[in-house]
Each structure stands twice: as structure tokens, then as C-alpha cells.
Protein backbone atom coordinates (compact mmCIF):
# COMPACT_ATOMS: atom_id res chain seq x y z
CA MET A 1 1.55 15.51 -28.21
CA LEU A 2 5.25 15.33 -27.39
CA PRO A 3 7.50 13.55 -29.90
CA GLU A 4 8.58 9.98 -29.25
CA GLY A 5 11.70 9.79 -27.12
CA PHE A 6 11.20 13.34 -25.84
CA TYR A 7 12.21 12.35 -22.30
CA ASP A 8 15.19 10.28 -23.47
CA GLN A 9 17.45 13.30 -23.96
CA PRO A 10 20.38 13.06 -21.48
CA ASP A 11 19.71 16.48 -19.93
CA ARG A 12 16.04 15.67 -19.43
CA GLU A 13 16.79 12.22 -18.03
CA THR A 14 19.19 13.80 -15.54
CA ALA A 15 16.65 16.45 -14.52
CA LEU A 16 13.89 13.88 -14.04
CA ALA A 17 16.16 11.56 -12.06
CA ASP A 18 16.85 14.50 -9.72
CA LEU A 19 13.14 15.47 -9.70
CA GLU A 20 14.13 18.89 -11.00
CA PHE A 21 11.09 19.88 -13.08
CA GLY A 22 12.20 23.41 -14.06
CA PRO A 23 14.21 22.32 -17.13
CA VAL A 24 11.54 19.76 -18.00
CA PHE A 25 8.76 22.36 -17.94
CA CYS A 26 10.83 24.68 -20.14
CA ALA A 27 11.45 21.86 -22.61
CA VAL A 28 7.78 20.87 -22.69
CA ARG A 29 6.69 24.47 -23.26
CA GLY A 30 9.23 24.84 -26.06
CA ALA A 31 8.05 21.68 -27.79
CA GLN A 32 4.39 22.60 -27.42
CA ARG A 33 4.90 26.32 -27.97
CA TRP A 34 3.09 26.99 -24.72
CA SER A 35 3.34 29.94 -22.42
CA GLN A 36 3.71 29.43 -18.68
CA GLN A 37 0.00 30.24 -18.42
CA ALA A 38 -0.89 27.50 -20.93
CA LEU A 39 1.16 24.89 -19.04
CA ALA A 40 -0.37 26.04 -15.76
CA GLU A 41 -3.89 25.59 -17.14
CA PHE A 42 -2.97 22.16 -18.48
CA LEU A 43 -1.75 21.07 -15.04
CA GLY A 44 -4.56 22.82 -13.18
CA TRP A 45 -2.19 25.17 -11.38
CA GLU A 46 -1.50 28.91 -11.29
CA GLN A 47 1.04 30.54 -13.62
CA ARG A 48 3.14 31.78 -10.73
CA ARG A 49 3.58 28.18 -9.58
CA ILE A 50 5.09 27.25 -12.96
CA SER A 51 7.37 30.27 -12.82
CA ALA A 52 8.57 29.37 -9.31
CA ILE A 53 9.36 25.80 -10.38
CA GLU A 54 11.21 26.86 -13.52
CA THR A 55 13.35 29.33 -11.58
CA GLY A 56 14.05 26.80 -8.82
CA LYS A 57 12.39 28.94 -6.16
CA ARG A 58 9.70 26.36 -5.38
CA PRO A 59 10.61 22.79 -6.34
CA LEU A 60 8.08 19.99 -6.14
CA VAL A 61 8.29 18.53 -2.63
CA ASN A 62 5.18 16.37 -2.56
CA LEU A 63 5.04 12.88 -4.05
CA GLN A 64 1.40 13.27 -5.05
CA GLU A 65 2.24 16.38 -7.08
CA VAL A 66 5.14 14.58 -8.76
CA LEU A 67 2.80 11.77 -9.75
CA HIS A 68 0.22 14.31 -10.98
CA VAL A 69 2.79 15.94 -13.26
CA ALA A 70 4.05 12.56 -14.46
CA ASN A 71 0.53 11.47 -15.38
CA LYS A 72 -0.38 14.70 -17.14
CA LEU A 73 2.87 15.03 -19.11
CA LYS A 74 3.13 11.29 -19.82
CA ILE A 75 6.54 11.00 -18.16
CA PRO A 76 7.61 7.33 -18.02
CA ALA A 77 7.65 6.14 -14.42
CA GLY A 78 11.12 4.68 -14.83
CA LYS A 79 12.54 8.15 -15.53
CA LEU A 80 11.55 9.13 -11.99
CA GLY A 81 12.85 5.98 -10.31
CA PHE A 82 9.32 4.65 -9.80
CA ARG A 83 9.73 1.39 -11.73
CA TYR A 84 10.26 -1.61 -9.53
CA GLY A 85 13.64 -3.20 -9.94
CA VAL A 86 15.15 0.09 -11.17
CA THR A 87 15.71 3.01 -8.84
CA VAL A 88 17.28 6.40 -9.19
CA GLY A 89 21.01 5.96 -8.98
CA THR A 90 21.32 3.49 -11.86
CA GLY A 91 22.04 3.91 -15.53
CA ARG A 92 23.06 7.38 -16.64
CA THR A 93 22.43 8.82 -13.19
CA ALA A 94 24.71 6.36 -11.40
CA GLY A 95 25.72 7.67 -8.03
CA ARG A 96 22.97 10.28 -7.86
CA THR A 97 20.88 10.05 -4.72
CA LYS A 98 19.38 13.51 -4.91
CA GLY A 99 16.50 12.30 -7.05
CA SER A 100 15.38 9.57 -4.70
CA TRP A 101 12.13 10.42 -2.97
CA VAL A 102 13.27 8.24 -0.09
CA GLN A 103 16.03 10.79 0.40
CA ARG A 104 14.08 13.96 -0.35
CA ARG A 105 10.45 13.45 0.67
CA ASN A 106 9.28 13.59 4.24
CA PHE A 107 8.75 9.85 4.42
CA VAL A 108 8.11 9.74 8.18
CA ASN A 109 5.19 12.16 7.78
CA HIS A 110 3.64 9.87 5.17
CA VAL A 111 4.10 6.91 7.48
CA ALA A 112 2.62 8.82 10.42
CA GLY A 113 -0.44 9.68 8.38
CA LEU A 114 -1.07 6.07 7.44
CA THR A 115 -0.24 4.74 10.91
CA LEU A 116 -2.41 7.18 12.82
CA GLY A 117 -5.14 7.53 10.20
CA LEU A 118 -4.40 11.19 9.43
CA SER A 119 -5.59 11.03 5.85
CA GLY A 120 -5.26 14.77 5.33
CA VAL A 121 -1.57 14.64 6.23
CA VAL A 122 -0.59 11.69 4.08
CA GLY A 123 -0.82 13.28 0.64
CA LEU A 124 -0.23 9.92 -1.05
CA ASP A 125 -2.00 8.32 -3.98
CA ILE A 126 -1.83 4.66 -2.95
CA ASP A 127 -3.54 3.53 -6.14
CA ARG A 128 -0.78 5.20 -8.13
CA LEU A 129 1.88 3.45 -6.07
CA ILE A 130 0.15 0.14 -6.73
CA ALA A 131 -0.04 0.94 -10.44
CA LEU A 132 3.74 1.30 -10.48
CA LEU A 133 4.13 -2.37 -9.65
CA PRO A 134 4.76 -4.76 -12.55
CA PRO A 135 1.55 -5.76 -14.34
CA ALA A 136 -0.10 -9.03 -13.36
CA GLU A 137 -2.32 -11.38 -15.29
CA PRO A 138 -6.00 -11.12 -14.30
CA THR A 139 -6.97 -13.92 -11.94
CA GLY A 140 -10.63 -13.99 -12.86
CA THR A 141 -11.44 -14.58 -9.19
CA ARG A 142 -14.73 -13.06 -8.09
CA HIS A 143 -15.24 -14.86 -4.78
CA LEU A 144 -12.57 -15.67 -2.24
CA GLY A 145 -12.58 -18.27 0.48
CA ALA A 146 -10.33 -19.23 3.36
CA ALA A 147 -8.38 -21.64 1.16
CA ASP A 148 -7.43 -18.79 -1.20
CA VAL A 149 -6.13 -16.72 1.69
CA GLU A 150 -4.18 -19.68 3.01
CA THR A 151 -2.42 -19.95 -0.36
CA ILE A 152 -1.29 -16.33 -0.04
CA GLU A 153 -0.11 -16.93 3.53
CA GLN A 154 1.84 -20.01 2.49
CA ALA A 155 3.50 -18.12 -0.37
CA THR A 156 4.61 -15.37 2.02
CA THR A 157 5.98 -17.92 4.47
CA ALA A 158 7.98 -19.48 1.64
CA PHE A 159 9.41 -16.06 0.72
CA VAL A 160 10.39 -15.46 4.34
CA ARG A 161 12.21 -18.80 4.52
CA GLN A 162 13.95 -18.14 1.21
CA ASP A 163 15.03 -14.71 2.41
CA TYR A 164 16.52 -15.97 5.67
CA ALA A 165 18.23 -18.93 4.05
CA GLN A 166 19.67 -17.38 0.86
CA GLY A 167 18.93 -13.66 0.86
CA SER A 168 16.55 -11.67 -1.29
CA GLY A 169 18.33 -11.89 -4.61
CA ILE A 170 16.62 -15.01 -5.87
CA ALA A 171 12.98 -14.48 -4.90
CA ARG A 172 12.42 -10.72 -4.58
CA ASP A 173 10.87 -10.28 -8.03
CA ALA A 174 8.61 -13.27 -7.42
CA ALA A 175 7.39 -11.75 -4.14
CA ILE A 176 6.55 -8.44 -5.84
CA ALA A 177 4.78 -10.27 -8.66
CA GLN A 178 2.78 -12.25 -6.09
CA LEU A 179 1.77 -9.01 -4.37
CA ARG A 180 0.71 -7.42 -7.67
CA ALA A 181 -1.50 -10.40 -8.39
CA THR A 182 -2.93 -10.38 -4.85
CA LEU A 183 -3.86 -6.71 -4.50
CA PRO A 184 -6.80 -6.85 -6.96
CA LEU A 185 -8.30 -9.65 -4.87
CA LEU A 186 -9.07 -7.16 -2.11
CA GLY A 187 -12.12 -6.15 -4.15
CA ALA A 188 -13.44 -9.68 -4.60
CA GLN A 189 -16.50 -11.07 -2.89
CA MET A 190 -15.83 -12.76 0.44
CA THR A 191 -17.42 -13.45 3.79
CA PRO A 192 -16.92 -11.04 6.72
CA GLU A 193 -14.72 -13.69 8.34
CA VAL A 194 -12.39 -13.98 5.34
CA ARG A 195 -11.99 -10.27 4.67
CA PRO A 196 -9.72 -9.27 7.60
CA ARG A 197 -7.62 -12.37 7.12
CA LEU A 198 -7.10 -11.52 3.44
CA TYR A 199 -6.14 -7.93 4.25
CA LEU A 200 -3.65 -9.04 6.89
CA ALA A 201 -2.17 -11.64 4.54
CA THR A 202 -1.80 -9.03 1.80
CA SER A 203 -0.19 -6.53 4.15
CA ARG A 204 2.22 -9.19 5.37
CA LEU A 205 3.11 -10.05 1.77
CA ALA A 206 3.77 -6.37 1.03
CA THR A 207 5.90 -6.19 4.17
CA GLN A 208 8.01 -9.14 3.08
CA ALA A 209 8.34 -7.87 -0.50
CA GLY A 210 9.48 -4.56 0.98
CA PHE A 211 12.05 -6.21 3.22
CA MET A 212 13.42 -8.24 0.33
CA SER A 213 13.72 -5.03 -1.68
CA PHE A 214 15.58 -3.46 1.24
CA ASP A 215 17.91 -6.48 1.39
CA ALA A 216 18.51 -5.98 -2.33
CA LYS A 217 19.34 -2.30 -1.61
CA GLN A 218 16.30 -1.17 -3.59
CA HIS A 219 15.44 1.31 -0.88
CA ASP A 220 12.86 3.39 -2.76
CA ALA A 221 11.01 0.25 -3.81
CA ALA A 222 11.05 -1.04 -0.23
CA ARG A 223 9.46 2.09 1.13
CA ARG A 224 6.75 2.21 -1.51
CA LEU A 225 5.89 -1.41 -0.80
CA TRP A 226 5.77 -0.71 2.94
CA LEU A 227 3.44 2.25 2.39
CA ILE A 228 1.13 -0.06 0.45
CA GLY A 229 1.36 -2.58 3.30
CA LEU A 230 0.50 0.09 5.87
CA ASN A 231 -2.51 1.20 3.86
CA VAL A 232 -3.83 -2.36 3.56
CA ALA A 233 -3.22 -3.07 7.26
CA ARG A 234 -5.15 0.05 8.22
CA ALA A 235 -8.13 -1.20 6.21
CA ALA A 236 -8.04 -4.70 7.73
CA GLU A 237 -10.38 -3.87 10.64
CA ASP A 238 -8.87 -6.63 12.74
CA PRO A 239 -7.16 -6.48 16.17
CA LEU A 240 -4.02 -8.00 14.63
CA ALA A 241 -3.77 -5.05 12.23
CA THR A 242 -2.10 -2.97 14.93
CA ASP A 243 0.50 -5.68 15.47
CA GLN A 244 1.14 -5.88 11.73
CA THR A 245 1.45 -2.08 11.53
CA VAL A 246 4.05 -1.98 14.30
CA PHE A 247 6.04 -4.78 12.67
CA LEU A 248 6.05 -2.76 9.44
CA LEU A 249 7.42 0.22 11.37
CA TYR A 250 10.11 -2.06 12.78
CA ASP A 251 11.21 -3.01 9.26
CA MET A 252 11.32 0.66 8.28
CA ALA A 253 13.42 1.46 11.34
CA VAL A 254 15.86 -1.33 10.46
CA GLN A 255 16.27 0.20 7.02
CA ALA A 256 16.81 3.64 8.57
CA MET A 257 19.57 2.17 10.72
CA HIS A 258 21.19 0.59 7.66
CA LEU A 259 21.13 4.02 6.02
CA ASN A 260 22.82 5.52 9.11
CA ARG A 261 19.75 7.49 10.18
CA PRO A 262 19.24 6.68 13.87
CA ASP A 263 17.11 9.80 14.42
CA GLU A 264 14.73 8.71 11.68
CA ALA A 265 14.69 5.21 13.14
CA LEU A 266 13.69 6.60 16.53
CA GLY A 267 10.90 8.59 14.89
CA LEU A 268 9.52 5.41 13.33
CA ILE A 269 9.91 3.58 16.65
CA HIS A 270 7.96 6.30 18.44
CA LEU A 271 5.19 5.87 15.87
CA GLY A 272 5.25 2.17 16.71
CA HIS A 273 4.80 2.95 20.40
CA ALA A 274 1.94 5.33 19.57
CA ALA A 275 0.20 2.69 17.48
CA ALA A 276 0.73 0.07 20.21
CA ALA A 277 -0.88 2.36 22.77
CA GLY A 278 -4.24 2.05 21.03
CA SER A 279 -7.15 -0.19 21.88
CA HIS A 280 -5.50 -3.36 20.56
CA PRO A 281 -2.29 -4.44 22.33
CA ILE A 282 0.54 -5.84 20.26
CA SER A 283 2.18 -9.21 20.77
CA ALA A 284 5.23 -9.73 22.95
CA ALA A 285 7.16 -10.90 19.87
CA THR A 286 6.54 -7.64 18.02
CA SER A 287 7.33 -5.63 21.16
CA CYS A 288 10.63 -7.49 21.38
CA TRP A 289 11.53 -6.70 17.77
CA LEU A 290 10.66 -3.02 18.24
CA ALA A 291 12.69 -2.71 21.45
CA SER A 292 15.70 -4.35 19.80
CA VAL A 293 15.91 -1.81 16.99
CA GLU A 294 15.30 0.99 19.50
CA ALA A 295 18.39 -0.25 21.36
CA ARG A 296 20.38 -0.07 18.13
CA ALA A 297 19.21 3.49 17.46
CA HIS A 298 20.28 4.62 20.92
CA ALA A 299 23.59 2.81 20.51
CA ALA A 300 24.28 4.55 17.21
CA ARG A 301 23.73 7.87 18.98
CA GLY A 302 26.20 6.87 21.71
CA GLU A 303 23.43 6.65 24.32
CA ALA A 304 24.50 3.68 26.43
CA ALA A 305 21.73 4.08 29.04
CA GLY A 306 19.02 4.22 26.36
CA CYS A 307 20.53 1.17 24.69
CA ASP A 308 20.59 -0.78 27.95
CA HIS A 309 17.01 0.17 28.80
CA ALA A 310 15.68 -0.88 25.39
CA LEU A 311 17.60 -4.16 25.47
CA GLY A 312 16.13 -4.87 28.90
CA ARG A 313 12.63 -4.43 27.50
CA ALA A 314 13.47 -6.67 24.54
CA VAL A 315 14.62 -9.46 26.85
CA GLU A 316 11.58 -8.98 29.08
CA GLN A 317 9.16 -9.19 26.17
CA PHE A 318 10.97 -12.21 24.71
CA SER A 319 10.56 -14.05 28.02
CA ILE A 320 6.76 -13.90 27.71
CA VAL A 321 6.45 -14.78 24.03
CA ASP A 322 3.93 -17.55 23.58
CA PRO A 323 4.83 -19.63 20.50
CA ALA A 324 1.22 -20.76 20.22
CA THR A 325 -0.22 -17.24 19.87
CA ARG A 326 2.49 -15.11 18.30
CA PRO A 327 1.58 -13.63 14.90
CA PRO A 328 3.02 -15.02 11.65
CA TRP A 329 5.50 -12.15 11.35
CA GLY A 330 6.95 -13.10 14.74
CA ALA A 331 7.26 -16.78 13.99
CA HIS A 332 11.00 -16.66 13.28
CA ILE A 333 12.14 -14.93 16.44
CA GLY A 334 14.17 -17.30 18.59
CA ASP A 335 17.03 -17.36 21.05
CA ALA A 336 19.64 -16.86 18.33
CA HIS A 337 17.87 -13.79 16.95
CA LEU A 338 17.50 -12.17 20.35
CA THR A 339 21.15 -12.82 21.15
CA ALA A 340 22.20 -11.48 17.75
CA MET A 341 20.14 -8.32 18.19
CA GLN A 342 21.71 -7.73 21.60
CA GLY A 343 25.16 -8.28 20.13
CA ARG A 344 24.48 -5.95 17.20
CA ALA A 345 23.38 -3.17 19.56
CA ARG A 346 26.52 -3.60 21.69
CA TYR A 347 28.68 -3.59 18.58
CA GLU A 348 27.09 -0.38 17.31
CA LEU A 349 27.69 1.19 20.71
CA ALA A 350 31.34 0.13 20.52
CA LEU A 351 31.63 1.59 17.02
CA VAL A 352 30.66 5.09 18.17
CA SER A 353 32.17 5.04 21.67
CA TYR A 354 35.26 2.90 21.00
CA HIS A 355 34.64 1.35 24.41
CA PRO A 356 36.41 -2.03 24.85
CA LYS A 357 33.77 -3.22 27.34
CA ALA A 358 30.95 -2.82 24.81
CA ALA A 359 33.07 -4.59 22.20
CA THR A 360 33.79 -7.49 24.57
CA GLN A 361 30.10 -7.82 25.36
CA ALA A 362 29.33 -7.80 21.64
CA VAL A 363 31.88 -10.55 21.01
CA ALA A 364 30.29 -12.93 23.52
CA LEU A 365 26.76 -12.33 22.25
CA LEU A 366 27.57 -12.44 18.54
CA ARG A 367 29.72 -15.55 18.88
CA GLN A 368 26.81 -17.36 20.53
CA ALA A 369 24.35 -16.20 17.89
CA VAL A 370 26.58 -17.23 15.00
CA GLN A 371 27.00 -20.70 16.54
CA ASP A 372 23.22 -21.06 16.91
CA PHE A 373 22.25 -19.99 13.38
CA GLY A 374 21.76 -23.07 11.22
CA PRO A 375 21.56 -23.33 7.41
CA ASP A 376 17.99 -22.01 7.46
CA TYR A 377 19.42 -18.66 8.58
CA ALA A 378 22.52 -18.45 6.41
CA ARG A 379 21.93 -14.78 5.55
CA SER A 380 21.64 -13.85 9.23
CA ARG A 381 24.79 -15.80 10.05
CA ALA A 382 26.72 -14.00 7.30
CA LEU A 383 25.66 -10.58 8.56
CA TYR A 384 26.53 -11.30 12.17
CA LEU A 385 29.86 -12.92 11.29
CA LEU A 386 30.88 -9.55 9.87
CA ASP A 387 29.81 -7.87 13.11
CA LEU A 388 31.66 -10.48 15.15
CA ALA A 389 34.90 -9.86 13.24
CA GLY A 390 34.57 -6.13 13.82
CA ALA A 391 33.79 -6.62 17.51
CA HIS A 392 36.93 -8.76 17.91
CA ALA A 393 38.97 -6.01 16.28
CA LEU A 394 37.53 -3.33 18.58
CA ALA A 395 38.17 -5.59 21.58
CA GLY A 396 41.84 -5.85 20.62
CA ASP A 397 41.86 -9.48 19.40
CA THR A 398 43.36 -8.89 15.96
CA ASP A 399 44.16 -12.51 15.08
CA THR A 400 40.62 -13.71 15.76
CA ALA A 401 39.21 -10.70 13.92
CA VAL A 402 41.17 -11.73 10.84
CA SER A 403 40.13 -15.37 11.07
CA VAL A 404 36.44 -14.54 11.55
CA GLY A 405 36.62 -11.88 8.84
CA HIS A 406 37.64 -14.47 6.25
CA GLN A 407 34.81 -16.73 7.42
CA ALA A 408 32.43 -13.80 7.04
CA ILE A 409 33.48 -13.13 3.45
CA ASP A 410 32.92 -16.79 2.59
CA ALA A 411 29.46 -16.64 4.19
CA VAL A 412 28.47 -13.38 2.45
CA THR A 413 29.47 -14.62 -1.00
CA ALA A 414 27.43 -17.80 -0.46
CA VAL A 415 24.12 -15.90 -0.15
CA HIS A 416 22.29 -13.41 -2.37
CA SER A 417 22.13 -10.34 -0.14
CA PRO A 418 23.44 -7.06 -1.59
CA ARG A 419 22.82 -5.47 1.81
CA ALA A 420 25.46 -7.72 3.34
CA TYR A 421 28.08 -6.23 1.03
CA ASP A 422 27.63 -2.86 2.74
CA ARG A 423 28.76 -4.49 5.99
CA LEU A 424 32.02 -5.44 4.22
CA HIS A 425 32.82 -1.74 3.97
CA VAL A 426 32.05 -1.25 7.67
CA LEU A 427 34.42 -4.04 8.66
CA ARG A 428 37.16 -2.70 6.38
CA THR A 429 36.84 0.70 8.09
CA VAL A 430 36.98 -0.87 11.54
CA LEU A 431 40.19 -2.68 10.58
CA GLU A 432 41.89 0.39 9.14
CA PRO A 433 43.78 1.35 12.34
CA LEU A 434 45.30 -2.15 12.32
CA HIS A 435 46.41 -2.07 8.67
CA THR A 436 50.10 -2.52 9.53
CA SER A 437 49.41 -6.10 10.52
CA PRO A 438 50.05 -8.40 7.50
CA GLY A 439 46.95 -10.46 8.29
CA VAL A 440 44.75 -7.37 8.54
CA ALA A 441 46.18 -5.90 5.36
CA GLU A 442 45.39 -9.08 3.43
CA LEU A 443 41.86 -9.23 4.88
CA ARG A 444 41.22 -5.59 3.99
CA ARG A 445 42.34 -6.24 0.41
CA ARG A 446 39.98 -9.18 0.20
CA LEU A 447 37.13 -7.15 1.71
CA ALA A 448 37.68 -4.41 -0.88
CA ALA A 449 37.82 -6.88 -3.76
CA THR A 450 34.67 -8.70 -2.60
CA ALA A 451 32.73 -5.49 -2.06
CA ALA A 452 33.71 -4.28 -5.51
């Protein structure tokens, strides 16, 4: 038995945050007076494996193994960044991203395994990921009906509306708590008609909780929630499960783009296409979403032709969306969103190519989208105002860029979206070549102060 507070030592906290188990193993063996062989037997491994980890020759690179060690050695989940609401990069390890399994684990392989049903490839303990969620009070429910599922669906819809209108900051914890309370219901008694609907509703709730975590810049938490959502969708045994899976992959690709990983985004998009090629076609709304983020990924790589082609498919799919039959996760796609996604892709192309034509195209599209977003989409309007200011700057209209930039700051500070603050840095960088202008200099100072 290790002494209380054993893992609270600064050097051990740092090692655990970085998922460097060599120093931790040495410390455990010293406290227990174990040999490498004794620790190996305790973990069910070979002695040479312990030696390789302690010398840094073979670090742990599999999430399931990390969780196995954490369970056996009673390592608090929060020390590894696995506690929701706290991720690696906070507290004493501020600024450290090395320990984040989002950064270091082969996340796309895990997603591919869940998406394509390759259980041997996944290597994930979904039950353990669920156990890392905050505890929930037992519901006592033993039998579920359609009305119970409708309550879950209505709660998710409310979270979606809250997220669009005010950002994730207010309701994210409530969404995760709702998911934690809902997951045990998957084992309740229900009719064959209710079961797929419950699974889809739960997967959609996990998707939304993940997106709200992403908006709050809790990127590890978002990806764990999305993996749970993928696992539940795969078990739904309903034609709509494919559509839900592809929409989940869209969210993941959006996060990858935010993290400046267009190659990873394209990998997730290709998984979406593979899933959509199965026996159950996906909706036009979901196809539109997927094509829009594909356009952004090509734009970020400077691939104008790929961007144009993907945007053409997005517009084509949007033209055949049937409001009466689109799935719940496609309910919020409208003209303003399509226009905004087109403008965002053009803006990203302008950012990497510095092409005035792309910037001018982005200006027209983003201006229209910003005008069309009402108060129900205040977070979206704030994000795209920042893009519009940057597009004006790249198009050579400095005065308008400054004016719109100040509007954007006002809009960002009126919502609860930490993700939006990252866009402040992007705009400040775009304006840097124009810093000699008094108006630009003042705007850049305000951008820096707001971001800080």
C-alpha cells in the first residue's frame, strides 16, 4: 500500500502529466521495496518491459495500457488528465501538451476501429472512459419507454440551442452530467422499438457534450466523449446510426482544423466517406457538413481545386436537404451556415495563399452570413465576425477590417466560448503587416488584451 499523497510529489505529478512512467515505476518500487520482477508480476507483464519503460526505451503508447497501470497502481485519474473539466496543461503542468493523449496517442486509429467495427484495432476500454465521467445519482429506472427517450432528446436539443446562442461555457458541465446519468439506462428493459432510439439519443448527447467540451478548449475531454458516442452509435443497430457516426467524424474534423491539423482532418473525413459508403446512405444534411469541413482542410493545405470541388459538393447536397426528413443533428443547418462555411473555407485559403481574390470572395460570403445570423446564433456570429475582419484585411480594406474587428471583439466577449478567443490571436497575426496604421495598432492592442 502506497502512502497517502504518494502521487502528489511535484516530480511525480510532472511525470504523470507527461505520461512518463519510468520515474513513477522507480518511485513505486522504492516505496514498496520491489524489484523490477516484482513490479512486472504485479502488473502482469515481463521484467524486460518494466526495464524498457524505466530507461525510456519503450514508453507506454497505448491508452488501454495506461489505464491498466493507473488502475493497478491506484493513480488518481486527474493526475493523468483523465478527469472531466481538468485536462493536462493546467495546474502545475501549465503549458505542457506532451502529456495529452490527444496529442500523443494515435487517435485516428481508435476512431477507425470504432467506425469500421475493427474491435481488434481499437485497443480502448470504453467502460473505463465512461467511468472517468463525473458520478451520477442512480435513476432507479428499470424499464424505459418512448417518453423517457424523448426527454433525453429534448435535453440535447436544449444544449444545442444554448451552445449556439451563448457558447459552451454555461451548460457544458450540465451536458456531461446528463450523459453520465443517461449511459446506465442503456442496460434498462425496453421494447425493440425503443432501443435504437435510445442509443441514437445517447450518442447524440455524447456528441453534443463533446462539441461543448471542444468549444471550451477541453480537447482531451471532447475526444473521449466522442469515442463514447461512436461506441454507442455502433451498437444502435439502426439505419440512422451511420448518419450519426459520420456527423461525429465531422465534429472531430472541425476540432482537428481548429488545432491546425488539416491532414488529420482529412483522415477523419475519409473515414466519414468510408462509413457513408456502407449499406445505409447518410442524409444530404450530413453530407453537406462533411463536404464543408473537407473544403476547409484542402484550403488549409493551399489546395484551391480541392477546396472548390468540396464546396461544390456541399452546395449540391444542401440543395436537396429535406427539412422534413433530416436527422436531429442536421436540424440547425440553414442558408447562413452554408454561406458561413463557404466563407470560412475561402478565408482559410486566403490565409495560406495570400491571394486577394480568395479574400474578396470570403468577404462577400462572410458578410452575408454575419448579417443572417440572429441572436439564436450569437456564438456563430462572433466567430465569423473575426473571420470577416481578417478577410477584409487580406483584401486590402484596412479601415473596414478595423471597424469589423472591434465589432468582433464585442461579440466574442458577449458569449461564453473559449474557442473564440483563439480566433483573436489569428486576427491579430493577420493584422501584423498593417501595424503602422494607428487604427490597426489600437485594434491589435485590444485583441491582445482581450485574448489575455
